[in-house]
């Protein structure tokens, strides 16, 4: 992990791109029901908030493993969200 700043950027850009894909899908499919894409957007925002809360957590014993765990959680959750977007 290079820095906490880069981890925050990764979280922001990754989840932001997923949200953007949902909006693009909504624009390309105006007659489709947007409830599923809105649910994905809400889940991405909740994931963003949860991951940033973990980044800002205090009193961490092993910071290196803590931040690696956050990075792994981001990757896992991003893959799940991308699968949901692809299934729209």
Protein backbone atom coordinates (compact mmCIF):
# COMPACT_ATOMS: atom_id res chain seq x y z
CA UNK A 1 0.00 0.00 0.00
CA UNK A 2 1.60 3.20 -1.18
CA UNK A 3 -0.53 5.55 0.87
CA UNK A 4 -3.90 6.08 2.46
CA UNK A 5 -4.49 8.89 -0.02
CA UNK A 6 -4.18 6.45 -2.95
CA UNK A 7 -6.50 3.97 -1.22
CA UNK A 8 -9.13 6.69 -0.86
CA UNK A 9 -8.73 7.57 -4.55
CA UNK A 10 -9.10 3.90 -5.52
CA UNK A 11 -12.31 3.62 -3.51
CA UNK A 12 -13.69 6.84 -5.00
CA UNK A 13 -12.79 6.09 -8.63
CA UNK A 14 -13.82 2.43 -8.57
CA UNK A 15 -17.23 2.95 -7.03
CA UNK A 16 -17.74 6.17 -8.99
CA UNK A 17 -17.20 4.29 -12.25
CA UNK A 18 -19.73 1.65 -11.23
CA UNK A 19 -22.30 4.35 -10.44
CA UNK A 20 -21.55 6.03 -13.76
CA UNK A 21 -22.17 2.73 -15.59
CA UNK A 22 -25.59 2.53 -13.94
CA UNK A 23 -26.45 6.03 -15.14
CA UNK A 24 -25.25 5.21 -18.66
CA UNK A 25 -27.43 2.08 -18.66
CA UNK A 26 -30.41 4.17 -17.57
CA UNK A 27 -29.79 6.65 -20.39
CA UNK A 28 -29.42 3.91 -23.00
CA UNK A 29 -32.53 2.07 -21.80
CA UNK A 30 -35.11 4.78 -21.06
CA UNK A 31 -38.07 2.41 -21.23
CA UNK A 32 -36.64 -0.07 -18.72
CA UNK A 33 -37.47 0.02 -15.03
CA UNK A 34 -34.68 1.80 -13.15
CA UNK A 35 -35.37 0.22 -9.75
CA UNK A 36 -32.56 -2.33 -10.14
CA UNK A 37 -29.99 0.22 -11.26
CA UNK A 38 -30.98 2.57 -8.44
CA UNK A 39 -30.56 -0.27 -5.97
CA UNK A 40 -27.04 -0.88 -7.32
CA UNK A 41 -26.25 2.83 -6.97
CA UNK A 42 -27.52 2.83 -3.37
CA UNK A 43 -25.42 -0.25 -2.61
CA UNK A 44 -22.32 1.38 -4.14
CA UNK A 45 -22.85 4.50 -2.02
CA UNK A 46 -23.30 2.41 1.13
CA UNK A 47 -20.13 0.48 0.27
CA UNK A 48 -18.27 3.76 -0.25
CA UNK A 49 -19.38 5.08 3.13
CA UNK A 50 -18.49 1.81 4.89
CA UNK A 51 -15.04 1.57 3.34
CA UNK A 52 -14.19 5.18 4.14
CA UNK A 53 -15.36 4.65 7.73
CA UNK A 54 -12.91 1.74 7.90
CA UNK A 55 -10.12 3.89 6.44
CA UNK A 56 -10.71 6.54 9.09
CA UNK A 57 -10.93 4.05 11.97
CA UNK A 58 -8.73 4.86 14.93
CA UNK A 59 -6.81 2.61 17.34
CA UNK A 60 -5.75 0.04 14.75
CA UNK A 61 -3.05 -2.32 15.97
CA UNK A 62 -1.68 -3.46 12.61
CA UNK A 63 -2.29 -0.68 10.11
CA UNK A 64 -0.68 -2.44 7.16
CA UNK A 65 -2.93 -5.49 7.36
CA UNK A 66 -5.96 -3.29 8.11
CA UNK A 67 -5.50 -1.29 4.90
CA UNK A 68 -4.77 -4.41 2.85
CA UNK A 69 -8.02 -5.85 4.15
CA UNK A 70 -9.89 -2.70 3.09
CA UNK A 71 -8.34 -2.98 -0.37
CA UNK A 72 -9.43 -6.64 -0.64
CA UNK A 73 -12.95 -5.74 0.49
CA UNK A 74 -13.09 -3.03 -2.19
CA UNK A 75 -12.06 -5.51 -4.87
CA UNK A 76 -14.60 -8.13 -3.75
CA UNK A 77 -17.47 -5.66 -3.48
CA UNK A 78 -16.60 -4.00 -6.80
CA UNK A 79 -16.70 -7.38 -8.58
CA UNK A 80 -20.11 -8.11 -7.06
CA UNK A 81 -21.47 -4.74 -8.14
CA UNK A 82 -20.06 -5.10 -11.66
CA UNK A 83 -21.77 -8.48 -12.00
CA UNK A 84 -25.04 -6.85 -10.99
CA UNK A 85 -24.55 -4.06 -13.53
CA UNK A 86 -23.78 -6.59 -16.25
CA UNK A 87 -26.96 -8.49 -15.46
CA UNK A 88 -29.16 -5.42 -16.06
